[in-house]
Amino acid sequence: MEGLFGSSNWLYIILIGFIVGVLARLLKPGKDGMGIILTTLLGIAGALLAGWIGQATGYYQSGEPAGFIAALAGAIVILVVVGLFRRKRTTLPPR
């Protein structure tokens, strides 16, 4: 697990995931409608995506964790992709 996130401490992974998720939501405009758990999972998934893309392009070595900025960029990419596939909610006109 240490190769993926830079630490094997779950509390550290959750804390960094939460910080990255919150910053990604602040930097991407629009309403995302996520709670604290989904925000944390967003940050963790952003770090995984950044690490995978970094290894695929040769920027990171195998087992090297993604940097904070790369994790933030990965989380923003995930937010954009989710926003593209999320249906727009229609509101009924007032009676």
PDB file of N, CA and C in Angstrom:
ATOM      1  N   MET A   1       0.815  -1.195   0.000  1.00  0.00           N
ATOM      2  CA  MET A   1       0.000   0.000   0.000  1.00  0.00           C
ATOM      3  C   MET A   1       0.861   1.262   0.000  1.00  0.00           C
ATOM      4  N   GLU A   2       2.052   1.170   0.515  1.00  0.00           N
ATOM      5  CA  GLU A   2       2.888   2.355   0.623  1.00  0.00           C
ATOM      6  C   GLU A   2       3.249   2.929  -0.739  1.00  0.00           C
ATOM      7  N   GLY A   3       3.378   2.078  -1.747  1.00  0.00           N
ATOM      8  CA  GLY A   3       3.729   2.548  -3.073  1.00  0.00           C
ATOM      9  C   GLY A   3       2.637   3.377  -3.729  1.00  0.00           C
ATOM     10  N   LEU A   4       1.392   3.123  -3.355  1.00  0.00           N
ATOM     11  CA  LEU A   4       0.292   3.841  -3.990  1.00  0.00           C
ATOM     12  C   LEU A   4       0.084   5.238  -3.424  1.00  0.00           C
ATOM     13  N   PHE A   5       0.178   5.377  -2.125  1.00  0.00           N
ATOM     14  CA  PHE A   5      -0.169   6.641  -1.487  1.00  0.00           C
ATOM     15  C   PHE A   5       0.987   7.318  -0.763  1.00  0.00           C
ATOM     16  N   GLY A   6       2.141   6.699  -0.684  1.00  0.00           N
ATOM     17  CA  GLY A   6       3.260   7.297   0.027  1.00  0.00           C
ATOM     18  C   GLY A   6       3.269   6.968   1.500  1.00  0.00           C
ATOM     19  N   SER A   7       2.258   6.270   1.964  1.00  0.00           N
ATOM     20  CA  SER A   7       2.165   5.901   3.374  1.00  0.00           C
ATOM     21  C   SER A   7       1.259   4.684   3.493  1.00  0.00           C
ATOM     22  N   SER A   8       1.485   3.893   4.528  1.00  0.00           N
ATOM     23  CA  SER A   8       0.584   2.770   4.782  1.00  0.00           C
ATOM     24  C   SER A   8      -0.384   3.106   5.919  1.00  0.00           C
ATOM     25  N   ASN A   9      -0.328   4.315   6.449  1.00  0.00           N
ATOM     26  CA  ASN A   9      -1.201   4.760   7.520  1.00  0.00           C
ATOM     27  C   ASN A   9      -2.538   5.214   6.919  1.00  0.00           C
ATOM     28  N   TRP A  10      -3.620   4.516   7.251  1.00  0.00           N
ATOM     29  CA  TRP A  10      -4.923   4.823   6.678  1.00  0.00           C
ATOM     30  C   TRP A  10      -5.424   6.211   7.071  1.00  0.00           C
ATOM     31  N   LEU A  11      -5.110   6.646   8.278  1.00  0.00           N
ATOM     32  CA  LEU A  11      -5.541   7.973   8.702  1.00  0.00           C
ATOM     33  C   LEU A  11      -4.900   9.052   7.823  1.00  0.00           C
ATOM     34  N   TYR A  12      -3.632   8.872   7.502  1.00  0.00           N
ATOM     35  CA  TYR A  12      -2.920   9.801   6.620  1.00  0.00           C
ATOM     36  C   TYR A  12      -3.559   9.800   5.227  1.00  0.00           C
ATOM     37  N   ILE A  13      -3.864   8.623   4.708  1.00  0.00           N
ATOM     38  CA  ILE A  13      -4.463   8.513   3.376  1.00  0.00           C
ATOM     39  C   ILE A  13      -5.826   9.199   3.350  1.00  0.00           C
ATOM     40  N   ILE A  14      -6.628   8.987   4.380  1.00  0.00           N
ATOM     41  CA  ILE A  14      -7.951   9.606   4.449  1.00  0.00           C
ATOM     42  C   ILE A  14      -7.839  11.116   4.581  1.00  0.00           C
ATOM     43  N   LEU A  15      -6.923  11.594   5.415  1.00  0.00           N
ATOM     44  CA  LEU A  15      -6.756  13.035   5.612  1.00  0.00           C
ATOM     45  C   LEU A  15      -6.309  13.721   4.325  1.00  0.00           C
ATOM     46  N   ILE A  16      -5.305  13.170   3.656  1.00  0.00           N
ATOM     47  CA  ILE A  16      -4.831  13.764   2.403  1.00  0.00           C
ATOM     48  C   ILE A  16      -5.917  13.662   1.334  1.00  0.00           C
ATOM     49  N   GLY A  17      -6.633  12.540   1.289  1.00  0.00           N
ATOM     50  CA  GLY A  17      -7.734  12.400   0.341  1.00  0.00           C
ATOM     51  C   GLY A  17      -8.813  13.443   0.573  1.00  0.00           C
ATOM     52  N   PHE A  18      -9.118  13.718   1.836  1.00  0.00           N
ATOM     53  CA  PHE A  18     -10.121  14.735   2.158  1.00  0.00           C
ATOM     54  C   PHE A  18      -9.654  16.119   1.722  1.00  0.00           C
ATOM     55  N   ILE A  19      -8.399  16.453   2.017  1.00  0.00           N
ATOM     56  CA  ILE A  19      -7.864  17.770   1.650  1.00  0.00           C
ATOM     57  C   ILE A  19      -7.859  17.937   0.132  1.00  0.00           C
ATOM     58  N   VAL A  20      -7.396  16.921  -0.585  1.00  0.00           N
ATOM     59  CA  VAL A  20      -7.370  16.990  -2.046  1.00  0.00           C
ATOM     60  C   VAL A  20      -8.790  17.096  -2.597  1.00  0.00           C
ATOM     61  N   GLY A  21      -9.722  16.322  -2.053  1.00  0.00           N
ATOM     62  CA  GLY A  21     -11.110  16.374  -2.511  1.00  0.00           C
ATOM     63  C   GLY A  21     -11.749  17.731  -2.287  1.00  0.00           C
ATOM     64  N   VAL A  22     -11.515  18.328  -1.126  1.00  0.00           N
ATOM     65  CA  VAL A  22     -12.080  19.648  -0.831  1.00  0.00           C
ATOM     66  C   VAL A  22     -11.490  20.696  -1.780  1.00  0.00           C
ATOM     67  N   LEU A  23     -10.182  20.665  -1.967  1.00  0.00           N
ATOM     68  CA  LEU A  23      -9.551  21.640  -2.865  1.00  0.00           C
ATOM     69  C   LEU A  23     -10.034  21.461  -4.301  1.00  0.00           C
ATOM     70  N   ALA A  24     -10.206  20.228  -4.741  1.00  0.00           N
ATOM     71  CA  ALA A  24     -10.705  19.984  -6.100  1.00  0.00           C
ATOM     72  C   ALA A  24     -12.112  20.534  -6.266  1.00  0.00           C
ATOM     73  N   ARG A  25     -12.934  20.345  -5.256  1.00  0.00           N
ATOM     74  CA  ARG A  25     -14.305  20.863  -5.333  1.00  0.00           C
ATOM     75  C   ARG A  25     -14.331  22.384  -5.297  1.00  0.00           C
ATOM     76  N   LEU A  26     -13.382  22.989  -4.588  1.00  0.00           N
ATOM     77  CA  LEU A  26     -13.316  24.446  -4.557  1.00  0.00           C
ATOM     78  C   LEU A  26     -12.810  25.018  -5.879  1.00  0.00           C
ATOM     79  N   LEU A  27     -11.889  24.324  -6.529  1.00  0.00           N
ATOM     80  CA  LEU A  27     -11.296  24.835  -7.760  1.00  0.00           C
ATOM     81  C   LEU A  27     -12.172  24.604  -8.989  1.00  0.00           C
ATOM     82  N   LYS A  28     -13.010  23.572  -8.960  1.00  0.00           N
ATOM     83  CA  LYS A  28     -13.902  23.317 -10.098  1.00  0.00           C
ATOM     84  C   LYS A  28     -15.230  24.023  -9.832  1.00  0.00           C
ATOM     85  N   PRO A  29     -15.620  24.914 -10.736  1.00  0.00           N
ATOM     86  CA  PRO A  29     -16.868  25.641 -10.499  1.00  0.00           C
ATOM     87  C   PRO A  29     -18.089  24.738 -10.651  1.00  0.00           C
ATOM     88  N   GLY A  30     -19.146  25.117  -9.991  1.00  0.00           N
ATOM     89  CA  GLY A  30     -20.399  24.377 -10.088  1.00  0.00           C
ATOM     90  C   GLY A  30     -20.721  23.649  -8.804  1.00  0.00           C
ATOM     91  N   LYS A  31     -21.968  23.228  -8.707  1.00  0.00           N
ATOM     92  CA  LYS A  31     -22.421  22.514  -7.519  1.00  0.00           C
ATOM     93  C   LYS A  31     -22.225  21.019  -7.749  1.00  0.00           C
ATOM     94  N   ASP A  32     -21.536  20.360  -6.828  1.00  0.00           N
ATOM     95  CA  ASP A  32     -21.255  18.940  -6.976  1.00  0.00           C
ATOM     96  C   ASP A  32     -22.162  18.071  -6.129  1.00  0.00           C
ATOM     97  N   GLY A  33     -22.683  18.579  -5.044  1.00  0.00           N
ATOM     98  CA  GLY A  33     -23.613  17.829  -4.212  1.00  0.00           C
ATOM     99  C   GLY A  33     -23.029  16.563  -3.614  1.00  0.00           C
ATOM    100  N   MET A  34     -21.863  16.660  -2.998  1.00  0.00           N
ATOM    101  CA  MET A  34     -21.211  15.505  -2.371  1.00  0.00           C
ATOM    102  C   MET A  34     -21.075  15.760  -0.880  1.00  0.00           C
ATOM    103  N   GLY A  35     -21.110  14.682  -0.139  1.00  0.00           N
ATOM    104  CA  GLY A  35     -20.875  14.773   1.290  1.00  0.00           C
ATOM    105  C   GLY A  35     -19.397  14.574   1.602  1.00  0.00           C
ATOM    106  N   ILE A  36     -19.094  14.470   2.871  1.00  0.00           N
ATOM    107  CA  ILE A  36     -17.709  14.358   3.312  1.00  0.00           C
ATOM    108  C   ILE A  36     -17.074  13.029   2.880  1.00  0.00           C
ATOM    109  N   ILE A  37     -17.849  11.962   2.865  1.00  0.00           N
ATOM    110  CA  ILE A  37     -17.296  10.655   2.485  1.00  0.00           C
ATOM    111  C   ILE A  37     -16.964  10.629   1.000  1.00  0.00           C
ATOM    112  N   LEU A  38     -17.876  11.101   0.162  1.00  0.00           N
ATOM    113  CA  LEU A  38     -17.592  11.132  -1.280  1.00  0.00           C
ATOM    114  C   LEU A  38     -16.470  12.102  -1.616  1.00  0.00           C
ATOM    115  N   THR A  39     -16.359  13.189  -0.880  1.00  0.00           N
ATOM    116  CA  THR A  39     -15.257  14.129  -1.097  1.00  0.00           C
ATOM    117  C   THR A  39     -13.926  13.458  -0.793  1.00  0.00           C
ATOM    118  N   THR A  40     -13.867  12.696   0.288  1.00  0.00           N
ATOM    119  CA  THR A  40     -12.640  11.982   0.647  1.00  0.00           C
ATOM    120  C   THR A  40     -12.309  10.925  -0.397  1.00  0.00           C
ATOM    121  N   LEU A  41     -13.315  10.170  -0.814  1.00  0.00           N
ATOM    122  CA  LEU A  41     -13.089   9.159  -1.851  1.00  0.00           C
ATOM    123  C   LEU A  41     -12.663   9.793  -3.170  1.00  0.00           C
ATOM    124  N   LEU A  42     -13.168  10.981  -3.453  1.00  0.00           N
ATOM    125  CA  LEU A  42     -12.754  11.706  -4.650  1.00  0.00           C
ATOM    126  C   LEU A  42     -11.263  12.022  -4.608  1.00  0.00           C
ATOM    127  N   GLY A  43     -10.782  12.495  -3.475  1.00  0.00           N
ATOM    128  CA  GLY A  43      -9.360  12.800  -3.334  1.00  0.00           C
ATOM    129  C   GLY A  43      -8.486  11.565  -3.456  1.00  0.00           C
ATOM    130  N   ILE A  44      -8.913  10.467  -2.859  1.00  0.00           N
ATOM    131  CA  ILE A  44      -8.150   9.220  -2.944  1.00  0.00           C
ATOM    132  C   ILE A  44      -8.139   8.710  -4.383  1.00  0.00           C
ATOM    133  N   ALA A  45      -9.298   8.762  -5.053  1.00  0.00           N
ATOM    134  CA  ALA A  45      -9.367   8.320  -6.446  1.00  0.00           C
ATOM    135  C   ALA A  45      -8.536   9.231  -7.348  1.00  0.00           C
ATOM    136  N   GLY A  46      -8.492  10.510  -7.042  1.00  0.00           N
ATOM    137  CA  GLY A  46      -7.661  11.436  -7.817  1.00  0.00           C
ATOM    138  C   GLY A  46      -6.187  11.089  -7.710  1.00  0.00           C
ATOM    139  N   ALA A  47      -5.758  10.695  -6.525  1.00  0.00           N
ATOM    140  CA  ALA A  47      -4.363  10.291  -6.340  1.00  0.00           C
ATOM    141  C   ALA A  47      -4.068   9.001  -7.099  1.00  0.00           C
ATOM    142  N   LEU A  48      -5.007   8.062  -7.084  1.00  0.00           N
ATOM    143  CA  LEU A  48      -4.827   6.822  -7.832  1.00  0.00           C
ATOM    144  C   LEU A  48      -4.773   7.080  -9.332  1.00  0.00           C
ATOM    145  N   LEU A  49      -5.665   7.927  -9.829  1.00  0.00           N
ATOM    146  CA  LEU A  49      -5.681   8.259 -11.249  1.00  0.00           C
ATOM    147  C   LEU A  49      -4.390   8.957 -11.663  1.00  0.00           C
ATOM    148  N   ALA A  50      -3.939   9.908 -10.854  1.00  0.00           N
ATOM    149  CA  ALA A  50      -2.702  10.624 -11.170  1.00  0.00           C
ATOM    150  C   ALA A  50      -1.500   9.686 -11.162  1.00  0.00           C
ATOM    151  N   GLY A  51      -1.459   8.766 -10.208  1.00  0.00           N
ATOM    152  CA  GLY A  51      -0.363   7.806 -10.156  1.00  0.00           C
ATOM    153  C   GLY A  51      -0.372   6.871 -11.352  1.00  0.00           C
ATOM    154  N   TRP A  52      -1.570   6.431 -11.757  1.00  0.00           N
ATOM    155  CA  TRP A  52      -1.682   5.533 -12.897  1.00  0.00           C
ATOM    156  C   TRP A  52      -1.278   6.234 -14.200  1.00  0.00           C
ATOM    157  N   ILE A  53      -1.763   7.450 -14.408  1.00  0.00           N
ATOM    158  CA  ILE A  53      -1.404   8.193 -15.618  1.00  0.00           C
ATOM    159  C   ILE A  53       0.081   8.547 -15.600  1.00  0.00           C
ATOM    160  N   GLY A  54       0.595   8.924 -14.430  1.00  0.00           N
ATOM    161  CA  GLY A  54       2.019   9.239 -14.322  1.00  0.00           C
ATOM    162  C   GLY A  54       2.910   8.045 -14.632  1.00  0.00           C
ATOM    163  N   GLN A  55       2.517   6.862 -14.202  1.00  0.00           N
ATOM    164  CA  GLN A  55       3.293   5.658 -14.509  1.00  0.00           C
ATOM    165  C   GLN A  55       3.151   5.275 -15.976  1.00  0.00           C
ATOM    166  N   ALA A  56       1.966   5.471 -16.550  1.00  0.00           N
ATOM    167  CA  ALA A  56       1.747   5.133 -17.956  1.00  0.00           C
ATOM    168  C   ALA A  56       2.543   6.042 -18.882  1.00  0.00           C
ATOM    169  N   THR A  57       2.731   7.288 -18.482  1.00  0.00           N
ATOM    170  CA  THR A  57       3.482   8.233 -19.316  1.00  0.00           C
ATOM    171  C   THR A  57       4.965   8.263 -18.978  1.00  0.00           C
ATOM    172  N   GLY A  58       5.367   7.531 -17.944  1.00  0.00           N
ATOM    173  CA  GLY A  58       6.772   7.470 -17.580  1.00  0.00           C
ATOM    174  C   GLY A  58       7.226   8.570 -16.641  1.00  0.00           C
ATOM    175  N   TYR A  59       6.281   9.371 -16.130  1.00  0.00           N
ATOM    176  CA  TYR A  59       6.640  10.449 -15.208  1.00  0.00           C
ATOM    177  C   TYR A  59       6.957   9.910 -13.816  1.00  0.00           C
ATOM    178  N   TYR A  60       6.228   8.890 -13.399  1.00  0.00           N
ATOM    179  CA  TYR A  60       6.468   8.232 -12.115  1.00  0.00           C
ATOM    180  C   TYR A  60       7.017   6.836 -12.361  1.00  0.00           C
ATOM    181  N   GLN A  61       7.866   6.372 -11.463  1.00  0.00           N
ATOM    182  CA  GLN A  61       8.356   5.003 -11.511  1.00  0.00           C
ATOM    183  C   GLN A  61       7.318   4.085 -10.860  1.00  0.00           C
ATOM    184  N   SER A  62       7.437   2.800 -11.122  1.00  0.00           N
ATOM    185  CA  SER A  62       6.504   1.844 -10.535  1.00  0.00           C
ATOM    186  C   SER A  62       6.620   1.872  -9.012  1.00  0.00           C
ATOM    187  N   GLY A  63       5.499   2.049  -8.328  1.00  0.00           N
ATOM    188  CA  GLY A  63       5.487   2.094  -6.873  1.00  0.00           C
ATOM    189  C   GLY A  63       5.710   3.479  -6.297  1.00  0.00           C
ATOM    190  N   GLU A  64       5.976   4.479  -7.123  1.00  0.00           N
ATOM    191  CA  GLU A  64       6.201   5.841  -6.637  1.00  0.00           C
ATOM    192  C   GLU A  64       4.847   6.547  -6.487  1.00  0.00           C
ATOM    193  N   PRO A  65       4.581   7.168  -5.347  1.00  0.00           N
ATOM    194  CA  PRO A  65       3.282   7.816  -5.157  1.00  0.00           C
ATOM    195  C   PRO A  65       3.181   9.103  -5.972  1.00  0.00           C
ATOM    196  N   ALA A  66       1.951   9.465  -6.313  1.00  0.00           N
ATOM    197  CA  ALA A  66       1.703  10.706  -7.044  1.00  0.00           C
ATOM    198  C   ALA A  66       1.887  11.888  -6.099  1.00  0.00           C
ATOM    199  N   GLY A  67       2.279  13.020  -6.651  1.00  0.00           N
ATOM    200  CA  GLY A  67       2.429  14.233  -5.861  1.00  0.00           C
ATOM    201  C   GLY A  67       1.090  14.865  -5.543  1.00  0.00           C
ATOM    202  N   PHE A  68       1.103  15.844  -4.662  1.00  0.00           N
ATOM    203  CA  PHE A  68      -0.117  16.494  -4.211  1.00  0.00           C
ATOM    204  C   PHE A  68      -0.816  17.213  -5.366  1.00  0.00           C
ATOM    205  N   ILE A  69      -0.056  17.943  -6.179  1.00  0.00           N
ATOM    206  CA  ILE A  69      -0.637  18.686  -7.298  1.00  0.00           C
ATOM    207  C   ILE A  69      -1.222  17.711  -8.333  1.00  0.00           C
ATOM    208  N   ALA A  70      -0.514  16.622  -8.585  1.00  0.00           N
ATOM    209  CA  ALA A  70      -1.013  15.616  -9.528  1.00  0.00           C
ATOM    210  C   ALA A  70      -2.296  14.979  -8.995  1.00  0.00           C
ATOM    211  N   ALA A  71      -2.362  14.704  -7.703  1.00  0.00           N
ATOM    212  CA  ALA A  71      -3.578  14.143  -7.106  1.00  0.00           C
ATOM    213  C   ALA A  71      -4.734  15.132  -7.229  1.00  0.00           C
ATOM    214  N   LEU A  72      -4.450  16.408  -7.036  1.00  0.00           N
ATOM    215  CA  LEU A  72      -5.467  17.443  -7.180  1.00  0.00           C
ATOM    216  C   LEU A  72      -5.970  17.502  -8.625  1.00  0.00           C
ATOM    217  N   ALA A  73      -5.055  17.436  -9.578  1.00  0.00           N
ATOM    218  CA  ALA A  73      -5.446  17.440 -10.990  1.00  0.00           C
ATOM    219  C   ALA A  73      -6.273  16.191 -11.324  1.00  0.00           C
ATOM    220  N   GLY A  74      -5.886  15.044 -10.782  1.00  0.00           N
ATOM    221  CA  GLY A  74      -6.650  13.823 -11.005  1.00  0.00           C
ATOM    222  C   GLY A  74      -8.058  13.920 -10.450  1.00  0.00           C
ATOM    223  N   ALA A  75      -8.200  14.522  -9.276  1.00  0.00           N
ATOM    224  CA  ALA A  75      -9.523  14.686  -8.672  1.00  0.00           C
ATOM    225  C   ALA A  75     -10.383  15.634  -9.495  1.00  0.00           C
ATOM    226  N   ILE A  76      -9.785  16.688 -10.040  1.00  0.00           N
ATOM    227  CA  ILE A  76     -10.542  17.620 -10.879  1.00  0.00           C
ATOM    228  C   ILE A  76     -10.993  16.927 -12.157  1.00  0.00           C
ATOM    229  N   VAL A  77     -10.131  16.104 -12.743  1.00  0.00           N
ATOM    230  CA  VAL A  77     -10.506  15.346 -13.941  1.00  0.00           C
ATOM    231  C   VAL A  77     -11.697  14.442 -13.633  1.00  0.00           C
ATOM    232  N   ILE A  78     -11.663  13.780 -12.489  1.00  0.00           N
ATOM    233  CA  ILE A  78     -12.781  12.904 -12.106  1.00  0.00           C
ATOM    234  C   ILE A  78     -14.066  13.718 -11.937  1.00  0.00           C
ATOM    235  N   LEU A  79     -13.974  14.897 -11.327  1.00  0.00           N
ATOM    236  CA  LEU A  79     -15.161  15.743 -11.169  1.00  0.00           C
ATOM    237  C   LEU A  79     -15.734  16.168 -12.516  1.00  0.00           C
ATOM    238  N   VAL A  80     -14.866  16.495 -13.457  1.00  0.00           N
ATOM    239  CA  VAL A  80     -15.334  16.909 -14.778  1.00  0.00           C
ATOM    240  C   VAL A  80     -16.031  15.746 -15.488  1.00  0.00           C
ATOM    241  N   VAL A  81     -15.429  14.553 -15.423  1.00  0.00           N
ATOM    242  CA  VAL A  81     -16.020  13.383 -16.076  1.00  0.00           C
ATOM    243  C   VAL A  81     -17.362  13.032 -15.437  1.00  0.00           C
ATOM    244  N   VAL A  82     -17.441  13.070 -14.124  1.00  0.00           N
ATOM    245  CA  VAL A  82     -18.711  12.789 -13.437  1.00  0.00           C
ATOM    246  C   VAL A  82     -19.749  13.834 -13.817  1.00  0.00           C
ATOM    247  N   GLY A  83     -19.330  15.091 -13.919  1.00  0.00           N
ATOM    248  CA  GLY A  83     -20.254  16.152 -14.315  1.00  0.00           C
ATOM    249  C   GLY A  83     -20.799  15.973 -15.718  1.00  0.00           C
ATOM    250  N   LEU A  84     -20.016  15.390 -16.600  1.00  0.00           N
ATOM    251  CA  LEU A  84     -20.477  15.145 -17.967  1.00  0.00           C
ATOM    252  C   LEU A  84     -21.547  14.058 -18.024  1.00  0.00           C
ATOM    253  N   PHE A  85     -21.432  13.075 -17.158  1.00  0.00           N
ATOM    254  CA  PHE A  85     -22.360  11.955 -17.185  1.00  0.00           C
ATOM    255  C   PHE A  85     -23.541  12.103 -16.233  1.00  0.00           C
ATOM    256  N   ARG A  86     -23.475  13.040 -15.324  1.00  0.00           N
ATOM    257  CA  ARG A  86     -24.569  13.238 -14.377  1.00  0.00           C
ATOM    258  C   ARG A  86     -25.723  13.938 -15.081  1.00  0.00           C
ATOM    259  N   ARG A  87     -26.916  13.418 -14.874  1.00  0.00           N
ATOM    260  CA  ARG A  87     -28.089  14.019 -15.491  1.00  0.00           C
ATOM    261  C   ARG A  87     -28.427  15.335 -14.815  1.00  0.00           C
ATOM    262  N   LYS A  88     -28.908  16.250 -15.593  1.00  0.00           N
ATOM    263  CA  LYS A  88     -29.378  17.520 -15.044  1.00  0.00           C
ATOM    264  C   LYS A  88     -30.720  17.291 -14.380  1.00  0.00           C
ATOM    265  N   ARG A  89     -30.865  17.833 -13.205  1.00  0.00           N
ATOM    266  CA  ARG A  89     -32.155  17.714 -12.511  1.00  0.00           C
ATOM    267  C   ARG A  89     -33.081  18.800 -13.005  1.00  0.00           C
ATOM    268  N   THR A  90     -34.263  18.397 -13.338  1.00  0.00           N
ATOM    269  CA  THR A  90     -35.251  19.376 -13.760  1.00  0.00           C
ATOM    270  C   THR A  90     -36.150  19.678 -12.572  1.00  0.00           C
ATOM    271  N   THR A  91     -36.448  20.916 -12.449  1.00  0.00           N
ATOM    272  CA  THR A  91     -37.342  21.326 -11.361  1.00  0.00           C
ATOM    273  C   THR A  91     -38.710  21.633 -11.947  1.00  0.00           C
ATOM    274  N   LEU A  92     -39.703  21.309 -11.193  1.00  0.00           N
ATOM    275  CA  LEU A  92     -41.064  21.587 -11.633  1.00  0.00           C
ATOM    276  C   LEU A  92     -41.368  23.050 -11.388  1.00  0.00           C
ATOM    277  N   PRO A  93     -42.162  23.647 -12.278  1.00  0.00           N
ATOM    278  CA  PRO A  93     -42.519  25.057 -12.037  1.00  0.00           C
ATOM    279  C   PRO A  93     -43.421  25.168 -10.809  1.00  0.00           C
ATOM    280  N   PRO A  94     -43.339  26.299 -10.125  1.00  0.00           N
ATOM    281  CA  PRO A  94     -44.194  26.468  -8.938  1.00  0.00           C
ATOM    282  C   PRO A  94     -45.671  26.497  -9.330  1.00  0.00           C
ATOM    283  N   ARG A  95     -46.524  26.033  -8.417  1.00  0.00           N
ATOM    284  CA  ARG A  95     -47.967  25.986  -8.681  1.00  0.00           C
ATOM    285  C   ARG A  95     -48.628  27.274  -8.309  1.00  0.00           C
TER     286      ARG A  95
END
